[in-house]
């Protein structure tokens, strides 16, 4: 099982890259655009939510990316009563591949878990 420290390190690197390039690049997919309206979020709120993720929000990863280089990490967060599916990747820049309401319930293996258990 992945450690909380490993997930925290990924998030630290993701945020560091976002700071260097001036934000998070979100893939321009219809599902991602529609999610802003459906969830009542602005682009800025979406970015703030992504950058505020914690290891408690971790679902799975790293997984080998099917359509590109690197690995993806899946996170989830409940906002306004809706569970959001968030897929992230860091190569030379921080990328959000998916940000939309979850199609299935997500599992959060690190919630409430203390390191060393």
C-alpha atoms as a PDB file:
ATOM      1  CA  UNK A   1       0.000   0.000   0.000  1.00  0.00           C
ATOM      2  CA  UNK A   2       1.191   3.511  -0.766  1.00  0.00           C
ATOM      3  CA  UNK A   3       2.343   5.711   2.086  1.00  0.00           C
ATOM      4  CA  UNK A   4       0.858   9.038   3.079  1.00  0.00           C
ATOM      5  CA  UNK A   5       4.361  10.503   2.699  1.00  0.00           C
ATOM      6  CA  UNK A   6       4.581   9.348  -0.947  1.00  0.00           C
ATOM      7  CA  UNK A   7       1.244  10.980  -1.799  1.00  0.00           C
ATOM      8  CA  UNK A   8       2.241  14.145   0.074  1.00  0.00           C
ATOM      9  CA  UNK A   9       5.464  14.257  -1.954  1.00  0.00           C
ATOM     10  CA  UNK A  10       3.564  13.985  -5.239  1.00  0.00           C
ATOM     11  CA  UNK A  11       1.269  16.836  -4.179  1.00  0.00           C
ATOM     12  CA  UNK A  12       4.263  18.938  -3.091  1.00  0.00           C
ATOM     13  CA  UNK A  13       5.943  18.463  -6.477  1.00  0.00           C
ATOM     14  CA  UNK A  14       2.653  19.178  -8.278  1.00  0.00           C
ATOM     15  CA  UNK A  15       2.206  22.469  -6.359  1.00  0.00           C
ATOM     16  CA  UNK A  16       5.854  23.394  -6.881  1.00  0.00           C
ATOM     17  CA  UNK A  17       5.490  22.968 -10.650  1.00  0.00           C
ATOM     18  CA  UNK A  18       2.233  24.959 -10.593  1.00  0.00           C
ATOM     19  CA  UNK A  19       4.066  27.805  -8.880  1.00  0.00           C
ATOM     20  CA  UNK A  20       6.824  27.761 -11.480  1.00  0.00           C
ATOM     21  CA  UNK A  21       4.533  27.811 -14.529  1.00  0.00           C
ATOM     22  CA  UNK A  22       1.794  30.019 -13.089  1.00  0.00           C
ATOM     23  CA  UNK A  23      -0.927  27.473 -12.471  1.00  0.00           C
ATOM     24  CA  UNK A  24      -2.389  24.117 -13.409  1.00  0.00           C
ATOM     25  CA  UNK A  25      -3.119  23.200 -17.021  1.00  0.00           C
ATOM     26  CA  UNK A  26      -6.555  21.564 -17.246  1.00  0.00           C
ATOM     27  CA  UNK A  27      -7.174  19.444 -20.332  1.00  0.00           C
ATOM     28  CA  UNK A  28      -9.740  21.115 -22.575  1.00  0.00           C
ATOM     29  CA  UNK A  29     -12.305  18.337 -22.661  1.00  0.00           C
ATOM     30  CA  UNK A  30     -16.055  18.778 -22.778  1.00  0.00           C
ATOM     31  CA  UNK A  31     -16.482  16.788 -19.583  1.00  0.00           C
ATOM     32  CA  UNK A  32     -14.045  19.062 -17.723  1.00  0.00           C
ATOM     33  CA  UNK A  33     -15.701  22.252 -19.060  1.00  0.00           C
ATOM     34  CA  UNK A  34     -19.209  21.002 -18.298  1.00  0.00           C
ATOM     35  CA  UNK A  35     -18.181  20.142 -14.745  1.00  0.00           C
ATOM     36  CA  UNK A  36     -17.613  23.813 -13.889  1.00  0.00           C
ATOM     37  CA  UNK A  37     -21.225  24.621 -14.709  1.00  0.00           C
ATOM     38  CA  UNK A  38     -22.581  21.484 -13.110  1.00  0.00           C
ATOM     39  CA  UNK A  39     -20.615  22.060  -9.896  1.00  0.00           C
ATOM     40  CA  UNK A  40     -21.052  25.840  -9.899  1.00  0.00           C
ATOM     41  CA  UNK A  41     -17.301  26.502  -9.842  1.00  0.00           C
ATOM     42  CA  UNK A  42     -15.161  29.083 -11.578  1.00  0.00           C
ATOM     43  CA  UNK A  43     -11.856  28.127 -13.213  1.00  0.00           C
ATOM     44  CA  UNK A  44     -10.076  29.798 -10.308  1.00  0.00           C
ATOM     45  CA  UNK A  45     -12.082  27.824  -7.727  1.00  0.00           C
ATOM     46  CA  UNK A  46     -11.282  24.617  -9.614  1.00  0.00           C
ATOM     47  CA  UNK A  47      -7.563  25.415  -9.511  1.00  0.00           C
ATOM     48  CA  UNK A  48      -7.727  26.314  -5.807  1.00  0.00           C
ATOM     49  CA  UNK A  49      -9.488  23.022  -5.101  1.00  0.00           C
ATOM     50  CA  UNK A  50      -6.864  21.069  -7.048  1.00  0.00           C
ATOM     51  CA  UNK A  51      -4.003  22.828  -5.256  1.00  0.00           C
ATOM     52  CA  UNK A  52      -5.625  22.217  -1.861  1.00  0.00           C
ATOM     53  CA  UNK A  53      -5.782  18.418  -2.247  1.00  0.00           C
ATOM     54  CA  UNK A  54      -4.290  16.415   0.619  1.00  0.00           C
ATOM     55  CA  UNK A  55      -3.289  12.775   1.051  1.00  0.00           C
ATOM     56  CA  UNK A  56      -6.762  12.193   2.563  1.00  0.00           C
ATOM     57  CA  UNK A  57      -8.180  12.925  -0.917  1.00  0.00           C
ATOM     58  CA  UNK A  58      -5.982  10.255  -2.558  1.00  0.00           C
ATOM     59  CA  UNK A  59      -7.774   7.377  -4.301  1.00  0.00           C
ATOM     60  CA  UNK A  60      -5.241   5.509  -6.448  1.00  0.00           C
ATOM     61  CA  UNK A  61      -1.900   5.880  -8.182  1.00  0.00           C
ATOM     62  CA  UNK A  62       0.590   6.206  -9.495  1.00  0.00           C
ATOM     63  CA  UNK A  63      -0.759   4.435 -12.573  1.00  0.00           C
ATOM     64  CA  UNK A  64       1.016   4.326 -15.920  1.00  0.00           C
ATOM     65  CA  UNK A  65      -0.582   6.879 -18.249  1.00  0.00           C
ATOM     66  CA  UNK A  66      -2.340   5.155 -21.151  1.00  0.00           C
ATOM     67  CA  UNK A  67      -2.150   8.035 -23.621  1.00  0.00           C
ATOM     68  CA  UNK A  68       1.130   9.699 -22.792  1.00  0.00           C
ATOM     69  CA  UNK A  69       4.275   9.721 -20.744  1.00  0.00           C
ATOM     70  CA  UNK A  70       4.453   9.452 -17.003  1.00  0.00           C
ATOM     71  CA  UNK A  71       2.029   8.376 -14.337  1.00  0.00           C
ATOM     72  CA  UNK A  72      -1.375   9.583 -13.238  1.00  0.00           C
ATOM     73  CA  UNK A  73      -2.766   9.961  -9.750  1.00  0.00           C
ATOM     74  CA  UNK A  74      -6.467   9.894  -8.911  1.00  0.00           C
ATOM     75  CA  UNK A  75      -7.970  12.029  -6.161  1.00  0.00           C
ATOM     76  CA  UNK A  76     -11.497  12.833  -5.074  1.00  0.00           C
ATOM     77  CA  UNK A  77     -13.192  15.563  -3.131  1.00  0.00           C
ATOM     78  CA  UNK A  78     -16.784  16.233  -2.139  1.00  0.00           C
ATOM     79  CA  UNK A  79     -17.935  19.763  -2.942  1.00  0.00           C
ATOM     80  CA  UNK A  80     -21.510  20.996  -2.676  1.00  0.00           C
ATOM     81  CA  UNK A  81     -22.620  17.422  -2.001  1.00  0.00           C
ATOM     82  CA  UNK A  82     -21.030  16.055  -5.196  1.00  0.00           C
ATOM     83  CA  UNK A  83     -18.039  13.770  -5.331  1.00  0.00           C
ATOM     84  CA  UNK A  84     -15.449  15.026  -7.839  1.00  0.00           C
ATOM     85  CA  UNK A  85     -13.055  12.758  -9.742  1.00  0.00           C
ATOM     86  CA  UNK A  86      -9.670  14.429 -10.248  1.00  0.00           C
ATOM     87  CA  UNK A  87      -6.872  12.885 -12.336  1.00  0.00           C
ATOM     88  CA  UNK A  88      -3.462  14.576 -12.150  1.00  0.00           C
ATOM     89  CA  UNK A  89      -0.076  14.171 -13.806  1.00  0.00           C
ATOM     90  CA  UNK A  90       3.234  15.992 -13.549  1.00  0.00           C
ATOM     91  CA  UNK A  91       5.783  15.824 -16.322  1.00  0.00           C
ATOM     92  CA  UNK A  92       7.345  19.181 -17.202  1.00  0.00           C
ATOM     93  CA  UNK A  93       4.146  20.917 -16.034  1.00  0.00           C
ATOM     94  CA  UNK A  94       1.226  20.127 -13.699  1.00  0.00           C
ATOM     95  CA  UNK A  95      -1.708  18.766 -15.675  1.00  0.00           C
ATOM     96  CA  UNK A  96      -5.260  17.998 -14.609  1.00  0.00           C
ATOM     97  CA  UNK A  97      -6.484  15.403 -17.089  1.00  0.00           C
ATOM     98  CA  UNK A  98      -9.929  14.989 -15.536  1.00  0.00           C
ATOM     99  CA  UNK A  99     -12.064  17.102 -13.233  1.00  0.00           C
ATOM    100  CA  UNK A 100     -15.721  16.119 -13.199  1.00  0.00           C
ATOM    101  CA  UNK A 101     -18.386  14.512 -11.020  1.00  0.00           C
ATOM    102  CA  UNK A 102     -17.395  10.956 -10.196  1.00  0.00           C
ATOM    103  CA  UNK A 103     -19.177   8.345 -12.272  1.00  0.00           C
ATOM    104  CA  UNK A 104     -18.754   5.764  -9.495  1.00  0.00           C
ATOM    105  CA  UNK A 105     -18.106   6.075  -5.762  1.00  0.00           C
ATOM    106  CA  UNK A 106     -14.412   6.617  -5.031  1.00  0.00           C
ATOM    107  CA  UNK A 107     -12.359   4.860  -2.378  1.00  0.00           C
ATOM    108  CA  UNK A 108     -10.012   6.829  -0.097  1.00  0.00           C
ATOM    109  CA  UNK A 109      -7.491   4.360   1.362  1.00  0.00           C
ATOM    110  CA  UNK A 110      -5.520   6.954   3.357  1.00  0.00           C
ATOM    111  CA  UNK A 111      -8.435   8.656   5.123  1.00  0.00           C
ATOM    112  CA  UNK A 112      -8.011   8.372   8.841  1.00  0.00           C
ATOM    113  CA  UNK A 113      -4.887   6.254   8.435  1.00  0.00           C
ATOM    114  CA  UNK A 114      -1.833   7.108  10.462  1.00  0.00           C
ATOM    115  CA  UNK A 115       1.650   6.464   9.077  1.00  0.00           C
ATOM    116  CA  UNK A 116       3.182   3.257  10.328  1.00  0.00           C
ATOM    117  CA  UNK A 117      -0.053   1.276  10.508  1.00  0.00           C
END
